[in-house]
C-alpha atoms as a PDB file:
ATOM      1  CA  MET A   1      56.921 -18.527 -17.762  1.00  0.00           C
ATOM      2  CA  SER A   2      54.026 -18.778 -19.744  1.00  0.00           C
ATOM      3  CA  SER A   3      54.980 -15.841 -21.977  1.00  0.00           C
ATOM      4  CA  LEU A   4      58.375 -17.005 -22.967  1.00  0.00           C
ATOM      5  CA  SER A   5      56.564 -20.717 -23.892  1.00  0.00           C
ATOM      6  CA  ALA A   6      54.181 -18.597 -26.112  1.00  0.00           C
ATOM      7  CA  ALA A   7      56.588 -16.783 -28.027  1.00  0.00           C
ATOM      8  CA  PRO A   8      57.767 -19.722 -30.113  1.00  0.00           C
ATOM      9  CA  ALA A   9      54.102 -20.342 -31.121  1.00  0.00           C
ATOM     10  CA  THR A  10      53.603 -16.818 -31.892  1.00  0.00           C
ATOM     11  CA  ARG A  11      56.850 -16.782 -34.001  1.00  0.00           C
ATOM     12  CA  ARG A  12      55.663 -19.995 -35.647  1.00  0.00           C
ATOM     13  CA  ARG A  13      52.420 -18.547 -36.859  1.00  0.00           C
ATOM     14  CA  ARG A  14      53.720 -15.407 -38.170  1.00  0.00           C
ATOM     15  CA  VAL A  15      56.347 -17.480 -40.468  1.00  0.00           C
ATOM     16  CA  SER A  16      53.364 -19.566 -41.766  1.00  0.00           C
ATOM     17  CA  SER A  17      51.255 -16.867 -42.202  1.00  0.00           C
ATOM     18  CA  THR A  18      54.052 -14.945 -44.209  1.00  0.00           C
ATOM     19  CA  ALA A  19      54.848 -18.013 -46.036  1.00  0.00           C
ATOM     20  CA  TRP A  20      51.122 -18.571 -47.210  1.00  0.00           C
ATOM     21  CA  ARG A  21      50.996 -14.807 -48.334  1.00  0.00           C
ATOM     22  CA  VAL A  22      54.323 -15.467 -50.197  1.00  0.00           C
ATOM     23  CA  LEU A  23      52.667 -18.303 -51.748  1.00  0.00           C
ATOM     24  CA  THR A  24      49.441 -16.732 -52.731  1.00  0.00           C
ATOM     25  CA  TYR A  25      51.109 -13.699 -54.454  1.00  0.00           C
ATOM     26  CA  LEU A  26      53.675 -16.597 -56.303  1.00  0.00           C
ATOM     27  CA  ALA A  27      50.654 -18.402 -57.753  1.00  0.00           C
ATOM     28  CA  LEU A  28      49.068 -14.959 -58.451  1.00  0.00           C
ATOM     29  CA  ILE A  29      52.100 -14.258 -60.552  1.00  0.00           C
ATOM     30  CA  LEU A  30      52.079 -17.510 -62.140  1.00  0.00           C
ATOM     31  CA  ILE A  31      48.524 -16.820 -63.464  1.00  0.00           C
ATOM     32  CA  MET A  32      48.922 -13.222 -64.739  1.00  0.00           C
ATOM     33  CA  ALA A  33      52.718 -13.872 -66.252  1.00  0.00           C
ATOM     34  CA  PRO A  34      51.446 -16.061 -69.257  1.00  0.00           C
ATOM     35  CA  ALA A  35      48.413 -13.974 -69.874  1.00  0.00           C
ATOM     36  CA  ALA A  36      50.591 -10.730 -69.980  1.00  0.00           C
ATOM     37  CA  TRP A  37      52.994 -12.373 -71.999  1.00  0.00           C
ATOM     38  CA  ILE A  38      50.614 -13.831 -74.466  1.00  0.00           C
ATOM     39  CA  LEU A  39      48.548 -10.182 -74.719  1.00  0.00           C
ATOM     40  CA  LEU A  40      52.114  -8.355 -75.186  1.00  0.00           C
ATOM     41  CA  GLY A  41      53.329 -10.788 -77.573  1.00  0.00           C
ATOM     42  CA  VAL A  42      50.074 -10.407 -79.982  1.00  0.00           C
ATOM     43  CA  LEU A  43      50.271  -6.781 -79.633  1.00  0.00           C
ATOM     44  CA  ALA A  44      53.930  -6.326 -80.660  1.00  0.00           C
ATOM     45  CA  ARG A  45      53.518  -8.332 -83.450  1.00  0.00           C
ATOM     46  CA  ALA A  46      50.344  -7.031 -84.751  1.00  0.00           C
ATOM     47  CA  TRP A  47      50.720  -3.379 -84.136  1.00  0.00           C
ATOM     48  CA  SER A  48      53.802  -2.579 -86.066  1.00  0.00           C
ATOM     49  CA  HIS A  49      52.016  -3.275 -89.374  1.00  0.00           C
ATOM     50  CA  TRP A  50      48.550  -2.743 -88.201  1.00  0.00           C
ATOM     51  CA  GLN A  51      46.152  -1.096 -90.753  1.00  0.00           C
ATOM     52  CA  TRP A  52      42.663  -0.170 -90.062  1.00  0.00           C
ATOM     53  CA  SER A  53      41.554  -1.112 -93.435  1.00  0.00           C
ATOM     54  CA  VAL A  54      41.500  -4.658 -92.436  1.00  0.00           C
ATOM     55  CA  LEU A  55      38.221  -4.533 -90.565  1.00  0.00           C
ATOM     56  CA  TRP A  56      36.255  -3.596 -93.735  1.00  0.00           C
ATOM     57  CA  THR A  57      38.323  -5.261 -96.740  1.00  0.00           C
ATOM     58  CA  THR A  58      38.043  -8.689 -98.070  1.00  0.00           C
ATOM     59  CA  LEU A  59      40.470 -11.385 -98.190  1.00  0.00           C
ATOM     60  CA  THR A  60      42.273 -11.656-101.606  1.00  0.00           C
ATOM     61  CA  PRO A  61      44.868 -13.879-102.783  1.00  0.00           C
ATOM     62  CA  THR A  62      47.484 -11.087-102.306  1.00  0.00           C
ATOM     63  CA  GLY A  63      46.364 -10.368 -98.867  1.00  0.00           C
ATOM     64  CA  GLY A  64      43.410  -7.975 -97.977  1.00  0.00           C
ATOM     65  CA  GLY A  65      41.624  -7.560 -94.925  1.00  0.00           C
ATOM     66  CA  LEU A  66      39.487  -9.835 -92.699  1.00  0.00           C
ATOM     67  CA  ARG A  67      35.862  -8.462 -92.921  1.00  0.00           C
ATOM     68  CA  ASP A  68      34.138 -11.669 -93.633  1.00  0.00           C
ATOM     69  CA  GLN A  69      36.006 -13.655 -91.231  1.00  0.00           C
ATOM     70  CA  ILE A  70      35.334 -11.243 -88.617  1.00  0.00           C
ATOM     71  CA  LEU A  71      31.549 -11.301 -89.363  1.00  0.00           C
ATOM     72  CA  GLY A  72      31.647 -15.009 -89.628  1.00  0.00           C
ATOM     73  CA  THR A  73      33.092 -15.358 -86.201  1.00  0.00           C
ATOM     74  CA  LEU A  74      30.579 -13.109 -84.706  1.00  0.00           C
ATOM     75  CA  ILE A  75      27.800 -14.958 -86.333  1.00  0.00           C
ATOM     76  CA  LEU A  76      28.975 -18.192 -84.854  1.00  0.00           C
ATOM     77  CA  MET A  77      29.208 -16.383 -81.483  1.00  0.00           C
ATOM     78  CA  LEU A  78      25.664 -15.159 -81.813  1.00  0.00           C
ATOM     79  CA  GLY A  79      24.478 -18.501 -82.917  1.00  0.00           C
ATOM     80  CA  VAL A  80      26.158 -20.342 -80.051  1.00  0.00           C
ATOM     81  CA  PHE A  81      24.787 -17.801 -77.748  1.00  0.00           C
ATOM     82  CA  LEU A  82      21.094 -18.677 -78.870  1.00  0.00           C
ATOM     83  CA  ILE A  83      21.258 -22.401 -79.221  1.00  0.00           C
ATOM     84  CA  ALA A  84      23.786 -23.231 -76.392  1.00  0.00           C
ATOM     85  CA  GLY A  85      22.627 -20.329 -74.282  1.00  0.00           C
ATOM     86  CA  THR A  86      18.965 -21.187 -74.200  1.00  0.00           C
ATOM     87  CA  ILE A  87      19.665 -25.168 -73.655  1.00  0.00           C
ATOM     88  CA  GLY A  88      22.243 -24.710 -71.072  1.00  0.00           C
ATOM     89  CA  VAL A  89      20.508 -22.379 -69.123  1.00  0.00           C
ATOM     90  CA  LEU A  90      17.226 -24.234 -69.328  1.00  0.00           C
ATOM     91  CA  ALA A  91      19.221 -27.509 -68.340  1.00  0.00           C
ATOM     92  CA  GLY A  92      20.883 -25.796 -65.162  1.00  0.00           C
ATOM     93  CA  ILE A  93      17.345 -24.633 -64.017  1.00  0.00           C
ATOM     94  CA  HIS A  94      16.223 -28.294 -64.132  1.00  0.00           C
ATOM     95  CA  LEU A  95      18.995 -29.623 -62.394  1.00  0.00           C
ATOM     96  CA  ALA A  96      18.867 -26.919 -59.466  1.00  0.00           C
ATOM     97  CA  GLU A  97      15.274 -26.241 -59.150  1.00  0.00           C
ATOM     98  CA  LEU A  98      13.147 -28.972 -60.707  1.00  0.00           C
ATOM     99  CA  ALA A  99      14.923 -32.151 -60.010  1.00  0.00           C
ATOM    100  CA  ARG A 100      15.003 -31.637 -56.161  1.00  0.00           C
ATOM    101  CA  GLY A 101      11.674 -33.116 -54.759  1.00  0.00           C
ATOM    102  CA  GLY A 102      10.253 -35.189 -57.665  1.00  0.00           C
ATOM    103  CA  ARG A 103      10.956 -39.025 -57.611  1.00  0.00           C
ATOM    104  CA  PHE A 104      11.314 -39.216 -61.366  1.00  0.00           C
ATOM    105  CA  SER A 105      13.378 -35.907 -61.693  1.00  0.00           C
ATOM    106  CA  GLY A 106      15.412 -37.015 -58.828  1.00  0.00           C
ATOM    107  CA  LYS A 107      16.421 -40.298 -60.222  1.00  0.00           C
ATOM    108  CA  VAL A 108      17.256 -38.765 -63.470  1.00  0.00           C
ATOM    109  CA  SER A 109      19.102 -35.855 -62.389  1.00  0.00           C
ATOM    110  CA  GLY A 110      22.213 -38.081 -61.487  1.00  0.00           C
ATOM    111  CA  PRO A 111      22.566 -39.617 -65.072  1.00  0.00           C
ATOM    112  CA  LEU A 112      22.179 -36.073 -66.435  1.00  0.00           C
ATOM    113  CA  ARG A 113      24.968 -34.700 -64.606  1.00  0.00           C
ATOM    114  CA  THR A 114      26.987 -37.548 -65.329  1.00  0.00           C
ATOM    115  CA  ALA A 115      26.257 -37.069 -69.122  1.00  0.00           C
ATOM    116  CA  SER A 116      27.055 -33.672 -68.891  1.00  0.00           C
ATOM    117  CA  ASP A 117      30.539 -34.355 -67.419  1.00  0.00           C
ATOM    118  CA  ILE A 118      31.587 -36.786 -69.786  1.00  0.00           C
ATOM    119  CA  LEU A 119      30.414 -34.287 -72.723  1.00  0.00           C
ATOM    120  CA  SER A 120      32.579 -31.727 -71.465  1.00  0.00           C
ATOM    121  CA  GLY A 121      35.573 -33.777 -71.429  1.00  0.00           C
ATOM    122  CA  PHE A 122      35.525 -34.999 -74.899  1.00  0.00           C
ATOM    123  CA  PRO A 123      38.170 -33.472 -76.959  1.00  0.00           C
ATOM    124  CA  SER A 124      37.101 -30.891 -79.504  1.00  0.00           C
ATOM    125  CA  ILE A 125      38.770 -32.412 -82.296  1.00  0.00           C
ATOM    126  CA  VAL A 126      36.758 -35.851 -81.740  1.00  0.00           C
ATOM    127  CA  LEU A 127      33.545 -33.607 -81.639  1.00  0.00           C
ATOM    128  CA  GLY A 128      34.331 -32.250 -84.972  1.00  0.00           C
ATOM    129  CA  TYR A 129      34.944 -35.682 -86.331  1.00  0.00           C
ATOM    130  CA  VAL A 130      31.517 -36.807 -85.351  1.00  0.00           C
ATOM    131  CA  GLY A 131      30.084 -33.838 -86.718  1.00  0.00           C
ATOM    132  CA  TYR A 132      31.938 -34.520 -89.941  1.00  0.00           C
ATOM    133  CA  VAL A 133      30.599 -37.951 -90.029  1.00  0.00           C
ATOM    134  CA  ALA A 134      27.008 -37.399 -88.730  1.00  0.00           C
ATOM    135  CA  LEU A 135      26.275 -33.933 -90.342  1.00  0.00           C
ATOM    136  CA  VAL A 136      28.636 -33.271 -93.135  1.00  0.00           C
ATOM    137  CA  VAL A 137      28.628 -36.518 -94.461  1.00  0.00           C
ATOM    138  CA  GLY A 138      25.584 -38.342 -92.971  1.00  0.00           C
ATOM    139  CA  LEU A 139      22.951 -35.742 -93.564  1.00  0.00           C
ATOM    140  CA  HIS A 140      24.539 -34.657 -96.597  1.00  0.00           C
ATOM    141  CA  TRP A 141      24.807 -31.148 -95.245  1.00  0.00           C
ATOM    142  CA  GLY A 142      28.253 -30.676 -96.461  1.00  0.00           C
ATOM    143  CA  PHE A 143      30.778 -27.830 -94.780  1.00  0.00           C
ATOM    144  CA  SER A 144      28.221 -25.286 -93.450  1.00  0.00           C
ATOM    145  CA  LEU A 145      27.401 -23.026 -90.857  1.00  0.00           C
ATOM    146  CA  ILE A 146      24.457 -25.055 -89.237  1.00  0.00           C
ATOM    147  CA  SER A 147      26.838 -28.023 -88.628  1.00  0.00           C
ATOM    148  CA  ALA A 148      29.239 -25.602 -87.134  1.00  0.00           C
ATOM    149  CA  LEU A 149      26.621 -24.251 -84.720  1.00  0.00           C
ATOM    150  CA  ILE A 150      25.354 -27.763 -83.866  1.00  0.00           C
ATOM    151  CA  ILE A 151      28.885 -28.922 -83.002  1.00  0.00           C
ATOM    152  CA  LEU A 152      30.058 -25.970 -81.106  1.00  0.00           C
ATOM    153  CA  SER A 153      26.756 -25.694 -79.146  1.00  0.00           C
ATOM    154  CA  ILE A 154      27.174 -29.250 -78.063  1.00  0.00           C
ATOM    155  CA  MET A 155      30.629 -28.651 -76.944  1.00  0.00           C
ATOM    156  CA  VAL A 156      29.891 -25.677 -74.400  1.00  0.00           C
ATOM    157  CA  ILE A 157      26.168 -26.777 -73.302  1.00  0.00           C
ATOM    158  CA  PRO A 158      27.948 -28.559 -70.359  1.00  0.00           C
ATOM    159  CA  TYR A 159      29.762 -25.407 -69.179  1.00  0.00           C
ATOM    160  CA  ILE A 160      26.882 -23.240 -69.276  1.00  0.00           C
ATOM    161  CA  ALA A 161      24.376 -26.099 -67.447  1.00  0.00           C
ATOM    162  CA  LYS A 162      27.131 -26.362 -64.664  1.00  0.00           C
ATOM    163  CA  THR A 163      27.563 -22.625 -64.081  1.00  0.00           C
ATOM    164  CA  THR A 164      24.094 -22.053 -64.243  1.00  0.00           C
ATOM    165  CA  GLU A 165      23.018 -24.802 -61.684  1.00  0.00           C
ATOM    166  CA  ASN A 166      25.860 -23.901 -59.386  1.00  0.00           C
ATOM    167  CA  SER A 167      24.932 -20.044 -59.518  1.00  0.00           C
ATOM    168  CA  LEU A 168      21.131 -21.105 -58.517  1.00  0.00           C
ATOM    169  CA  ARG A 169      22.304 -23.386 -55.832  1.00  0.00           C
ATOM    170  CA  GLN A 170      24.488 -20.511 -54.253  1.00  0.00           C
ATOM    171  CA  VAL A 171      21.051 -18.488 -53.988  1.00  0.00           C
ATOM    172  CA  PRO A 172      19.995 -18.482 -50.243  1.00  0.00           C
ATOM    173  CA  THR A 173      16.926 -20.639 -49.354  1.00  0.00           C
ATOM    174  CA  GLY A 174      15.457 -17.669 -47.882  1.00  0.00           C
ATOM    175  CA  TYR A 175      14.770 -16.168 -51.010  1.00  0.00           C
ATOM    176  CA  ARG A 176      12.717 -18.968 -52.218  1.00  0.00           C
ATOM    177  CA  GLU A 177      10.962 -19.243 -48.990  1.00  0.00           C
ATOM    178  CA  GLY A 178      10.489 -15.479 -48.881  1.00  0.00           C
ATOM    179  CA  ALA A 179       8.945 -15.722 -52.644  1.00  0.00           C
ATOM    180  CA  GLU A 180       6.649 -18.723 -51.614  1.00  0.00           C
ATOM    181  CA  ALA A 181       5.354 -16.691 -48.343  1.00  0.00           C
ATOM    182  CA  LEU A 182       4.609 -13.895 -50.353  1.00  0.00           C
ATOM    183  CA  GLY A 183       2.026 -16.047 -52.659  1.00  0.00           C
ATOM    184  CA  MET A 184       4.524 -16.046 -55.780  1.00  0.00           C
ATOM    185  CA  SER A 185       4.292 -19.330 -57.808  1.00  0.00           C
ATOM    186  CA  MET A 186       7.102 -21.156 -58.261  1.00  0.00           C
ATOM    187  CA  GLY A 187       8.035 -20.018 -61.928  1.00  0.00           C
ATOM    188  CA  TYR A 188       7.343 -16.198 -60.932  1.00  0.00           C
ATOM    189  CA  GLY A 189       9.444 -16.437 -57.990  1.00  0.00           C
ATOM    190  CA  LEU A 190      12.165 -18.107 -60.114  1.00  0.00           C
ATOM    191  CA  ARG A 191      12.072 -15.279 -62.499  1.00  0.00           C
ATOM    192  CA  LYS A 192      11.717 -12.383 -60.469  1.00  0.00           C
ATOM    193  CA  VAL A 193      13.703 -13.568 -57.422  1.00  0.00           C
ATOM    194  CA  VAL A 194      16.092 -16.519 -57.725  1.00  0.00           C
ATOM    195  CA  LEU A 195      17.337 -15.899 -61.414  1.00  0.00           C
ATOM    196  CA  LYS A 196      18.127 -11.988 -60.896  1.00  0.00           C
ATOM    197  CA  SER A 197      20.282 -13.301 -57.917  1.00  0.00           C
ATOM    198  CA  ALA A 198      21.937 -15.914 -60.167  1.00  0.00           C
ATOM    199  CA  LEU A 199      22.572 -13.607 -62.789  1.00  0.00           C
ATOM    200  CA  PRO A 200      26.280 -12.853 -62.276  1.00  0.00           C
ATOM    201  CA  GLY A 201      27.218 -16.642 -62.590  1.00  0.00           C
ATOM    202  CA  ILE A 202      25.233 -17.323 -65.488  1.00  0.00           C
ATOM    203  CA  VAL A 203      26.643 -14.492 -67.224  1.00  0.00           C
ATOM    204  CA  THR A 204      29.855 -15.884 -66.446  1.00  0.00           C
ATOM    205  CA  GLY A 205      28.931 -19.208 -67.611  1.00  0.00           C
ATOM    206  CA  LEU A 206      27.772 -17.702 -71.185  1.00  0.00           C
ATOM    207  CA  LEU A 207      30.839 -15.617 -71.161  1.00  0.00           C
ATOM    208  CA  LEU A 208      33.011 -18.894 -70.999  1.00  0.00           C
ATOM    209  CA  ALA A 209      30.755 -20.661 -73.613  1.00  0.00           C
ATOM    210  CA  LEU A 210      31.391 -17.484 -76.249  1.00  0.00           C
ATOM    211  CA  ALA A 211      34.881 -17.395 -75.518  1.00  0.00           C
ATOM    212  CA  ILE A 212      35.346 -21.133 -76.340  1.00  0.00           C
ATOM    213  CA  ALA A 213      33.204 -20.559 -79.532  1.00  0.00           C
ATOM    214  CA  CYS A 214      35.199 -17.597 -80.528  1.00  0.00           C
ATOM    215  CA  GLY A 215      38.745 -19.558 -79.904  1.00  0.00           C
ATOM    216  CA  GLU A 216      38.026 -23.208 -81.399  1.00  0.00           C
ATOM    217  CA  THR A 217      39.538 -24.298 -84.748  1.00  0.00           C
ATOM    218  CA  ALA A 218      39.382 -28.358 -84.851  1.00  0.00           C
ATOM    219  CA  PRO A 219      35.623 -28.677 -85.118  1.00  0.00           C
ATOM    220  CA  LEU A 220      35.084 -25.941 -87.613  1.00  0.00           C
ATOM    221  CA  ILE A 221      37.808 -27.330 -89.797  1.00  0.00           C
ATOM    222  CA  TYR A 222      35.631 -30.672 -89.789  1.00  0.00           C
ATOM    223  CA  THR A 223      32.258 -29.133 -90.033  1.00  0.00           C
ATOM    224  CA  ALA A 224      32.516 -25.651 -91.644  1.00  0.00           C
ATOM    225  CA  GLY A 225      35.673 -25.824 -93.537  1.00  0.00           C
ATOM    226  CA  PHE A 226      36.858 -22.487 -94.677  1.00  0.00           C
ATOM    227  CA  ALA A 227      35.679 -19.705 -97.105  1.00  0.00           C
ATOM    228  CA  ASN A 228      36.932 -16.163 -98.000  1.00  0.00           C
ATOM    229  CA  THR A 229      33.251 -14.954 -98.235  1.00  0.00           C
ATOM    230  CA  LEU A 230      30.191 -15.339 -96.406  1.00  0.00           C
ATOM    231  CA  PRO A 231      27.861 -17.495 -97.907  1.00  0.00           C
ATOM    232  CA  HIS A 232      24.123 -17.084 -98.435  1.00  0.00           C
ATOM    233  CA  THR A 233      22.854 -20.617 -97.416  1.00  0.00           C
ATOM    234  CA  LEU A 234      23.061 -22.552 -94.038  1.00  0.00           C
ATOM    235  CA  THR A 235      24.033 -25.855 -95.786  1.00  0.00           C
ATOM    236  CA  HIS A 236      26.507 -26.988 -98.587  1.00  0.00           C
ATOM    237  CA  ALA A 237      28.797 -23.701 -98.289  1.00  0.00           C
ATOM    238  CA  GLN A 238      31.906 -23.418 -96.384  1.00  0.00           C
ATOM    239  CA  PHE A 239      32.011 -20.581 -93.932  1.00  0.00           C
ATOM    240  CA  PRO A 240      34.927 -17.968 -92.854  1.00  0.00           C
ATOM    241  CA  TYR A 241      36.072 -17.495 -89.411  1.00  0.00           C
ATOM    242  CA  LEU A 242      39.274 -16.010 -87.856  1.00  0.00           C
ATOM    243  CA  THR A 243      40.861 -18.919 -86.042  1.00  0.00           C
ATOM    244  CA  TYR A 244      41.521 -20.583 -89.314  1.00  0.00           C
ATOM    245  CA  VAL A 245      43.407 -17.467 -90.530  1.00  0.00           C
ATOM    246  CA  VAL A 246      45.532 -17.534 -87.358  1.00  0.00           C
ATOM    247  CA  PHE A 247      46.169 -21.469 -87.728  1.00  0.00           C
ATOM    248  CA  ALA A 248      46.861 -21.734 -91.355  1.00  0.00           C
ATOM    249  CA  TYR A 249      48.538 -18.468 -92.304  1.00  0.00           C
ATOM    250  CA  TYR A 250      50.884 -18.206 -89.643  1.00  0.00           C
ATOM    251  CA  ASN A 251      53.141 -20.780 -91.545  1.00  0.00           C
ATOM    252  CA  ALA A 252      52.488 -19.674 -94.978  1.00  0.00           C
ATOM    253  CA  PRO A 253      55.380 -18.665 -96.977  1.00  0.00           C
ATOM    254  CA  GLU A 254      54.035 -15.080 -98.127  1.00  0.00           C
ATOM    255  CA  THR A 255      54.749 -12.202 -95.663  1.00  0.00           C
ATOM    256  CA  GLN A 256      51.251 -10.598 -96.168  1.00  0.00           C
ATOM    257  CA  TYR A 257      49.684 -13.675 -94.709  1.00  0.00           C
ATOM    258  CA  HIS A 258      51.846 -13.593 -91.748  1.00  0.00           C
ATOM    259  CA  TYR A 259      50.379 -10.148 -91.249  1.00  0.00           C
ATOM    260  CA  LEU A 260      47.008 -11.327 -91.556  1.00  0.00           C
ATOM    261  CA  SER A 261      47.628 -14.185 -89.217  1.00  0.00           C
ATOM    262  CA  TYR A 262      48.846 -11.497 -86.487  1.00  0.00           C
ATOM    263  CA  ASP A 263      45.842  -9.413 -87.270  1.00  0.00           C
ATOM    264  CA  ALA A 264      43.439 -12.238 -86.498  1.00  0.00           C
ATOM    265  CA  ALA A 265      45.102 -13.075 -83.338  1.00  0.00           C
ATOM    266  CA  LEU A 266      44.858  -9.254 -82.322  1.00  0.00           C
ATOM    267  CA  ILE A 267      41.206  -9.108 -83.033  1.00  0.00           C
ATOM    268  CA  LEU A 268      40.202 -12.449 -81.258  1.00  0.00           C
ATOM    269  CA  VAL A 269      41.938 -11.240 -78.113  1.00  0.00           C
ATOM    270  CA  VAL A 270      40.037  -7.852 -78.441  1.00  0.00           C
ATOM    271  CA  ILE A 271      36.746  -9.555 -78.846  1.00  0.00           C
ATOM    272  CA  VAL A 272      37.551 -11.732 -75.965  1.00  0.00           C
ATOM    273  CA  LEU A 273      38.344  -8.641 -73.964  1.00  0.00           C
ATOM    274  CA  LEU A 274      35.169  -7.108 -74.806  1.00  0.00           C
ATOM    275  CA  LEU A 275      33.166 -10.096 -73.661  1.00  0.00           C
ATOM    276  CA  LEU A 276      35.055  -9.798 -70.338  1.00  0.00           C
ATOM    277  CA  VAL A 277      34.383  -6.305 -70.153  1.00  0.00           C
ATOM    278  CA  SER A 278      30.602  -6.728 -70.942  1.00  0.00           C
ATOM    279  CA  SER A 279      30.017  -9.471 -68.113  1.00  0.00           C
ATOM    280  CA  ARG A 280      31.707  -7.189 -65.721  1.00  0.00           C
ATOM    281  CA  ILE A 281      29.256  -4.381 -66.636  1.00  0.00           C
ATOM    282  CA  VAL A 282      26.346  -6.933 -66.063  1.00  0.00           C
ATOM    283  CA  VAL A 283      27.524  -8.281 -62.737  1.00  0.00           C
ATOM    284  CA  ALA A 284      28.121  -4.663 -61.464  1.00  0.00           C
ATOM    285  CA  ARG A 285      24.483  -3.178 -62.569  1.00  0.00           C
ATOM    286  CA  THR A 286      22.860  -6.372 -61.254  1.00  0.00           C
ATOM    287  CA  GLN A 287      25.390  -5.781 -57.889  1.00  0.00           C
ATOM    288  CA  ARG A 288      24.375  -2.242 -57.819  1.00  0.00           C
ATOM    289  CA  HIS A 289      20.745  -2.586 -58.033  1.00  0.00           C
ATOM    290  CA  SER A 290      20.564  -5.082 -55.423  1.00  0.00           C
ATOM    291  CA  GLU A 291      22.646  -3.155 -53.123  1.00  0.00           C
ATOM    292  CA  SER A 292      20.788   0.168 -53.872  1.00  0.00           C
ATOM    293  CA  ALA A 293      17.583  -1.949 -52.893  1.00  0.00           C
ATOM    294  CA  ARG A 294      18.998  -2.894 -49.686  1.00  0.00           C
ATOM    295  CA  GLY A 295      20.350   0.608 -48.948  1.00  0.00           C
ATOM    296  CA  THR A 296      16.962   2.110 -49.577  1.00  0.00           C
ATOM    297  CA  GLY A 297      15.468  -0.335 -46.962  1.00  0.00           C
ATOM    298  CA  ARG A 298      17.896   0.498 -44.547  1.00  0.00           C
ATOM    299  CA  ARG A 299      17.239   4.316 -45.163  1.00  0.00           C
ATOM    300  CA  VAL A 300      13.257   3.995 -44.934  1.00  0.00           C
ATOM    301  CA  PHE A 301      13.505   1.746 -41.356  1.00  0.00           C
ATOM    302  CA  GLY A 302      16.453   4.089 -40.157  1.00  0.00           C
ATOM    303  CA  ARG A 303      14.060   7.153 -40.655  1.00  0.00           C
ATOM    304  CA  PHE A 304      11.416   5.410 -38.670  1.00  0.00           C
ATOM    305  CA  ARG A 305      14.163   4.326 -35.911  1.00  0.00           C
ATOM    306  CA  GLN A 306      15.227   8.065 -35.503  1.00  0.00           C
ATOM    307  CA  ASP A 307      12.045   9.825 -35.656  1.00  0.00           C
ATOM    308  CA  PRO A 308       9.219   8.121 -33.924  1.00  0.00           C
ATOM    309  CA  THR A 309       6.692  10.549 -34.838  1.00  0.00           C
ATOM    310  CA  LEU A 310       6.964   9.406 -38.518  1.00  0.00           C
ATOM    311  CA  ALA A 311       6.116   6.063 -37.728  1.00  0.00           C
ATOM    312  CA  ALA A 312       3.011   7.284 -35.799  1.00  0.00           C
ATOM    313  CA  LYS A 313       1.921   9.398 -38.671  1.00  0.00           C
ATOM    314  CA  SER A 314       2.546   6.417 -40.972  1.00  0.00           C
ATOM    315  CA  THR A 315       0.271   4.125 -38.877  1.00  0.00           C
ATOM    316  CA  PRO A 316      -3.429   4.385 -39.074  1.00  0.00           C
ATOM    317  CA  ASN A 317      -5.430   5.019 -36.021  1.00  0.00           C
ATOM    318  CA  LEU A 318      -7.468   1.729 -35.330  1.00  0.00           C
ATOM    319  CA  GLU A 319      -9.470   3.113 -32.421  1.00  0.00           C
ATOM    320  CA  THR A 320     -11.187   6.101 -34.506  1.00  0.00           C
ATOM    321  CA  PRO A 321     -13.342   4.857 -36.990  1.00  0.00           C
ATOM    322  CA  THR A 322     -12.915   6.495 -40.377  1.00  0.00           C
ATOM    323  CA  VAL A 323     -16.134   7.540 -42.352  1.00  0.00           C
END
């Protein structure tokens, strides 16, 4: 009687488990299908007329290449990495590690998180317009690289700070307690123990910031303008970048400009993929080192457990004094 009553419940669990598995596969397909569609569409439009000379020739009124636009995008990404990466990582460290016990820091951490969340919700075009009014016009810098870097850094700092804070909070408390028990100072233990464990999450945040900086258009139009060649000054000089080529040249009447738009889109996709691969390599190397360290510990302690004579030989004889 009990076995007959348990059969419907078992069948119901199997049906619900299968349904959940189907839903997860469907969600995975809904995520992968748009990404594959975009990648294949960009590749199909650009590869049919692709010429490698687009990487080292300059843009001209009749076509040319995208050398300076590629270098300009890489310079923007490097500047965002230095400015936003430094400020964002330090802000995340403060919120995760230094704003816990202090009375003043504990009161300030709440408004800081709120301000960071509000800043991350601003539309990029609004930040671009603020940069135009405050930097381009207000400080008389004109369309320039420094104006674009400041606005892009302000835009991505909340993402870096949030991912850094979350990564540090996921580090087990035992790591901090072990470092403190070994006599490490807070700063030394943070650098040598905690940050190494949180490095994969921090790298992910930096990757997100660089991808955003690589793909933004609206704030750059308001702050950097656009130029065909690289400038020699940080202010009062418009700056080249790839996203403007995709945005403006796609609707141009000339066919060669359409080709340049497709080439710029393909180059942007390749840059983002390279960022993704680089982050995976960093994460893999970090995890490999940590796993090898744990494996070494297991091998050493396993040898002592398997052969007690090794432990006896390694332990000094406390009864016989040494001269």
